[in-house]
Amino acid sequence: MQKVIFSFLFLVFAAFTLQAQDNAQPPVNPNAPDISFDKVVHDYGTIYQGADGTCEFKFINTGKEPLILSKPASSCGCTVPTWPQEPILPGKSDVIKVTYATHNIGPINKTVTVTSNAKTNRVVLTIKGNVVAKPAEKLPEKTNENSATPTNK
């Protein structure tokens, strides 16, 4: 009898567990803010070590409610994002600045994940390029020409 009761309780528990895992998404607010970027990838190309590694990602709120950005998360400490702290009103635009520390030589392939209250609540921005060493500065060479003669006056 205990096995029957235990089996019955197990089936009831399993049924509720399966029902609780409904994958239906909550309805999207049709007036929700929406974020639209001019670009999501910035290619520095080849830049010199120690150069200014700042770029901008321009975006606009194409929704009908104010857009609020959460702290963007960078993929490493060498990439620092700066974002607007105030809500972005519908139809208004702003920028997210990303600064890459160019002190290390080598390829750049970093991301910044922007989280917001927009319909698309996460957007991944990418920076790429290659940092190369600065070319050595050449000093003018001293010539030992004997064509110049001192004058004694």
C-alpha atoms as a PDB file:
ATOM      1  CA  MET A   1       0.000   0.000   0.000  1.00  0.00           C
ATOM      2  CA  GLN A   2       2.841   2.372   0.772  1.00  0.00           C
ATOM      3  CA  LYS A   3       4.326   1.728  -2.665  1.00  0.00           C
ATOM      4  CA  VAL A   4       1.035   2.659  -4.330  1.00  0.00           C
ATOM      5  CA  ILE A   5       0.730   5.901  -2.335  1.00  0.00           C
ATOM      6  CA  PHE A   6       4.395   6.744  -2.985  1.00  0.00           C
ATOM      7  CA  SER A   7       3.961   6.086  -6.719  1.00  0.00           C
ATOM      8  CA  PHE A   8       0.829   8.236  -6.837  1.00  0.00           C
ATOM      9  CA  LEU A   9       2.575  11.131  -5.052  1.00  0.00           C
ATOM     10  CA  PHE A  10       5.565  10.797  -7.351  1.00  0.00           C
ATOM     11  CA  LEU A  11       3.349  11.024 -10.456  1.00  0.00           C
ATOM     12  CA  VAL A  12       1.512  14.066  -9.090  1.00  0.00           C
ATOM     13  CA  PHE A  13       4.837  15.776  -8.255  1.00  0.00           C
ATOM     14  CA  ALA A  14       6.234  14.955 -11.723  1.00  0.00           C
ATOM     15  CA  ALA A  15       3.114  16.327 -13.429  1.00  0.00           C
ATOM     16  CA  PHE A  16       3.384  19.648 -11.539  1.00  0.00           C
ATOM     17  CA  THR A  17       7.103  19.862 -12.259  1.00  0.00           C
ATOM     18  CA  LEU A  18       6.571  19.374 -15.979  1.00  0.00           C
ATOM     19  CA  GLN A  19       3.775  21.927 -16.030  1.00  0.00           C
ATOM     20  CA  ALA A  20       5.984  24.484 -14.233  1.00  0.00           C
ATOM     21  CA  GLN A  21       8.571  24.263 -17.003  1.00  0.00           C
ATOM     22  CA  ASP A  22       6.372  25.926 -19.578  1.00  0.00           C
ATOM     23  CA  ASN A  23       8.669  27.720 -22.050  1.00  0.00           C
ATOM     24  CA  ALA A  24       6.134  30.364 -23.022  1.00  0.00           C
ATOM     25  CA  GLN A  25       7.673  33.844 -23.036  1.00  0.00           C
ATOM     26  CA  PRO A  26       5.822  36.655 -21.305  1.00  0.00           C
ATOM     27  CA  PRO A  27       4.068  38.963 -23.760  1.00  0.00           C
ATOM     28  CA  VAL A  28       6.291  41.739 -25.090  1.00  0.00           C
ATOM     29  CA  ASN A  29       5.128  45.263 -24.358  1.00  0.00           C
ATOM     30  CA  PRO A  30       4.411  46.814 -27.797  1.00  0.00           C
ATOM     31  CA  ASN A  31       5.413  50.228 -26.412  1.00  0.00           C
ATOM     32  CA  ALA A  32       8.684  48.975 -24.904  1.00  0.00           C
ATOM     33  CA  PRO A  33      11.868  50.814 -25.796  1.00  0.00           C
ATOM     34  CA  ASP A  34      13.987  49.355 -28.558  1.00  0.00           C
ATOM     35  CA  ILE A  35      17.689  49.930 -29.125  1.00  0.00           C
ATOM     36  CA  SER A  36      19.151  50.205 -32.604  1.00  0.00           C
ATOM     37  CA  PHE A  37      22.918  50.586 -33.167  1.00  0.00           C
ATOM     38  CA  ASP A  38      24.596  52.112 -36.216  1.00  0.00           C
ATOM     39  CA  LYS A  39      27.167  49.321 -35.973  1.00  0.00           C
ATOM     40  CA  VAL A  40      27.871  46.477 -33.554  1.00  0.00           C
ATOM     41  CA  VAL A  41      31.465  45.812 -34.700  1.00  0.00           C
ATOM     42  CA  HIS A  42      34.321  48.324 -34.657  1.00  0.00           C
ATOM     43  CA  ASP A  43      37.487  47.379 -36.529  1.00  0.00           C
ATOM     44  CA  TYR A  44      40.535  49.375 -35.446  1.00  0.00           C
ATOM     45  CA  GLY A  45      42.537  47.837 -38.253  1.00  0.00           C
ATOM     46  CA  THR A  46      46.226  48.057 -37.397  1.00  0.00           C
ATOM     47  CA  ILE A  47      47.057  50.541 -34.642  1.00  0.00           C
ATOM     48  CA  TYR A  48      50.278  51.317 -32.818  1.00  0.00           C
ATOM     49  CA  GLN A  49      51.026  50.304 -29.270  1.00  0.00           C
ATOM     50  CA  GLY A  50      50.024  53.130 -26.913  1.00  0.00           C
ATOM     51  CA  ALA A  51      47.613  54.700 -29.440  1.00  0.00           C
ATOM     52  CA  ASP A  52      44.176  55.980 -28.444  1.00  0.00           C
ATOM     53  CA  GLY A  53      41.949  52.903 -28.357  1.00  0.00           C
ATOM     54  CA  THR A  54      38.637  54.745 -27.956  1.00  0.00           C
ATOM     55  CA  CYS A  55      35.708  54.122 -30.288  1.00  0.00           C
ATOM     56  CA  GLU A  56      32.003  54.954 -30.171  1.00  0.00           C
ATOM     57  CA  PHE A  57      28.898  52.916 -30.804  1.00  0.00           C
ATOM     58  CA  LYS A  58      25.998  55.233 -31.642  1.00  0.00           C
ATOM     59  CA  PHE A  59      22.472  54.024 -30.888  1.00  0.00           C
ATOM     60  CA  ILE A  60      18.902  55.330 -30.974  1.00  0.00           C
ATOM     61  CA  ASN A  61      15.815  54.467 -28.937  1.00  0.00           C
ATOM     62  CA  THR A  62      13.300  53.440 -31.605  1.00  0.00           C
ATOM     63  CA  GLY A  63      10.657  52.402 -29.067  1.00  0.00           C
ATOM     64  CA  LYS A  64       7.886  54.387 -27.388  1.00  0.00           C
ATOM     65  CA  GLU A  65       9.164  54.379 -23.781  1.00  0.00           C
ATOM     66  CA  PRO A  66      12.433  55.596 -22.207  1.00  0.00           C
ATOM     67  CA  LEU A  67      15.422  53.298 -22.678  1.00  0.00           C
ATOM     68  CA  ILE A  68      17.479  52.474 -19.582  1.00  0.00           C
ATOM     69  CA  LEU A  69      20.917  50.887 -19.962  1.00  0.00           C
ATOM     70  CA  SER A  70      22.415  48.694 -17.265  1.00  0.00           C
ATOM     71  CA  LYS A  71      26.152  48.552 -16.711  1.00  0.00           C
ATOM     72  CA  PRO A  72      27.686  47.109 -19.896  1.00  0.00           C
ATOM     73  CA  ALA A  73      29.933  44.116 -19.218  1.00  0.00           C
ATOM     74  CA  SER A  74      33.257  43.876 -21.036  1.00  0.00           C
ATOM     75  CA  SER A  75      34.999  40.603 -21.788  1.00  0.00           C
ATOM     76  CA  CYS A  76      38.197  41.705 -20.021  1.00  0.00           C
ATOM     77  CA  GLY A  77      39.669  44.481 -17.904  1.00  0.00           C
ATOM     78  CA  CYS A  78      41.511  45.990 -20.874  1.00  0.00           C
ATOM     79  CA  THR A  79      38.192  47.097 -22.379  1.00  0.00           C
ATOM     80  CA  VAL A  80      36.320  49.829 -20.506  1.00  0.00           C
ATOM     81  CA  PRO A  81      32.832  50.939 -21.623  1.00  0.00           C
ATOM     82  CA  THR A  82      31.275  54.311 -20.776  1.00  0.00           C
ATOM     83  CA  TRP A  83      27.503  54.615 -21.185  1.00  0.00           C
ATOM     84  CA  PRO A  84      24.761  57.186 -20.575  1.00  0.00           C
ATOM     85  CA  GLN A  85      23.405  56.971 -17.028  1.00  0.00           C
ATOM     86  CA  GLU A  86      20.151  58.811 -17.736  1.00  0.00           C
ATOM     87  CA  PRO A  87      17.168  57.269 -19.577  1.00  0.00           C
ATOM     88  CA  ILE A  88      17.182  57.809 -23.346  1.00  0.00           C
ATOM     89  CA  LEU A  89      13.828  59.185 -24.485  1.00  0.00           C
ATOM     90  CA  PRO A  90      12.040  57.756 -27.538  1.00  0.00           C
ATOM     91  CA  GLY A  91      13.572  58.986 -30.795  1.00  0.00           C
ATOM     92  CA  LYS A  92      16.733  60.239 -29.048  1.00  0.00           C
ATOM     93  CA  SER A  93      20.223  58.910 -29.628  1.00  0.00           C
ATOM     94  CA  ASP A  94      23.399  58.624 -27.588  1.00  0.00           C
ATOM     95  CA  VAL A  95      26.720  56.752 -27.636  1.00  0.00           C
ATOM     96  CA  ILE A  96      28.498  54.046 -25.741  1.00  0.00           C
ATOM     97  CA  LYS A  97      32.236  54.730 -25.700  1.00  0.00           C
ATOM     98  CA  VAL A  98      34.584  51.782 -25.497  1.00  0.00           C
ATOM     99  CA  THR A  99      38.240  52.287 -24.643  1.00  0.00           C
ATOM    100  CA  TYR A 100      40.715  49.505 -25.311  1.00  0.00           C
ATOM    101  CA  ALA A 101      44.093  49.675 -23.544  1.00  0.00           C
ATOM    102  CA  THR A 102      46.575  49.402 -26.408  1.00  0.00           C
ATOM    103  CA  HIS A 103      49.645  48.677 -24.291  1.00  0.00           C
ATOM    104  CA  ASN A 104      49.791  44.997 -25.315  1.00  0.00           C
ATOM    105  CA  ILE A 105      50.910  43.985 -28.787  1.00  0.00           C
ATOM    106  CA  GLY A 106      48.757  41.484 -30.656  1.00  0.00           C
ATOM    107  CA  PRO A 107      45.285  40.916 -32.063  1.00  0.00           C
ATOM    108  CA  ILE A 108      42.201  42.531 -30.518  1.00  0.00           C
ATOM    109  CA  ASN A 109      38.959  40.583 -30.308  1.00  0.00           C
ATOM    110  CA  LYS A 110      36.889  41.793 -27.335  1.00  0.00           C
ATOM    111  CA  THR A 111      33.194  42.167 -26.599  1.00  0.00           C
ATOM    112  CA  VAL A 112      30.974  44.443 -24.545  1.00  0.00           C
ATOM    113  CA  THR A 113      27.525  43.129 -23.622  1.00  0.00           C
ATOM    114  CA  VAL A 114      24.928  45.899 -23.307  1.00  0.00           C
ATOM    115  CA  THR A 115      21.897  45.055 -21.160  1.00  0.00           C
ATOM    116  CA  SER A 116      18.800  47.268 -21.173  1.00  0.00           C
ATOM    117  CA  ASN A 117      15.038  47.327 -20.767  1.00  0.00           C
ATOM    118  CA  ALA A 118      14.602  47.167 -24.564  1.00  0.00           C
ATOM    119  CA  LYS A 119      12.684  44.499 -26.474  1.00  0.00           C
ATOM    120  CA  THR A 120      16.091  43.044 -27.352  1.00  0.00           C
ATOM    121  CA  ASN A 121      17.475  43.272 -23.849  1.00  0.00           C
ATOM    122  CA  ARG A 122      21.050  42.197 -24.708  1.00  0.00           C
ATOM    123  CA  VAL A 123      23.256  43.393 -27.529  1.00  0.00           C
ATOM    124  CA  VAL A 124      26.878  42.310 -27.948  1.00  0.00           C
ATOM    125  CA  LEU A 125      29.276  44.941 -29.302  1.00  0.00           C
ATOM    126  CA  THR A 126      32.608  43.750 -30.701  1.00  0.00           C
ATOM    127  CA  ILE A 127      35.954  45.471 -31.154  1.00  0.00           C
ATOM    128  CA  LYS A 128      38.705  43.953 -33.249  1.00  0.00           C
ATOM    129  CA  GLY A 129      41.990  44.870 -34.799  1.00  0.00           C
ATOM    130  CA  ASN A 130      45.716  44.419 -34.308  1.00  0.00           C
ATOM    131  CA  VAL A 131      48.143  46.331 -32.087  1.00  0.00           C
ATOM    132  CA  VAL A 132      51.694  46.569 -33.451  1.00  0.00           C
ATOM    133  CA  ALA A 133      54.872  48.037 -31.996  1.00  0.00           C
ATOM    134  CA  LYS A 134      55.677  51.639 -32.791  1.00  0.00           C
ATOM    135  CA  PRO A 135      58.365  52.005 -35.409  1.00  0.00           C
ATOM    136  CA  ALA A 136      61.713  53.052 -33.938  1.00  0.00           C
ATOM    137  CA  GLU A 137      62.382  56.767 -34.192  1.00  0.00           C
ATOM    138  CA  LYS A 138      65.302  57.565 -36.428  1.00  0.00           C
ATOM    139  CA  LEU A 139      67.578  60.369 -35.365  1.00  0.00           C
ATOM    140  CA  PRO A 140      69.415  62.333 -38.021  1.00  0.00           C
ATOM    141  CA  GLU A 141      72.830  60.875 -38.624  1.00  0.00           C
ATOM    142  CA  LYS A 142      75.891  62.990 -38.038  1.00  0.00           C
ATOM    143  CA  THR A 143      77.971  63.309 -41.167  1.00  0.00           C
ATOM    144  CA  ASN A 144      81.718  63.724 -41.116  1.00  0.00           C
ATOM    145  CA  GLU A 145      82.044  65.755 -44.252  1.00  0.00           C
ATOM    146  CA  ASN A 146      85.302  67.632 -44.591  1.00  0.00           C
ATOM    147  CA  SER A 147      83.850  70.051 -47.088  1.00  0.00           C
ATOM    148  CA  ALA A 148      83.145  72.629 -44.429  1.00  0.00           C
ATOM    149  CA  THR A 149      86.200  74.650 -43.461  1.00  0.00           C
ATOM    150  CA  PRO A 150      86.466  76.815 -40.402  1.00  0.00           C
ATOM    151  CA  THR A 151      86.950  80.508 -40.935  1.00  0.00           C
ATOM    152  CA  ASN A 152      89.391  82.504 -38.820  1.00  0.00           C
ATOM    153  CA  LYS A 153      88.519  86.136 -38.728  1.00  0.00           C
END
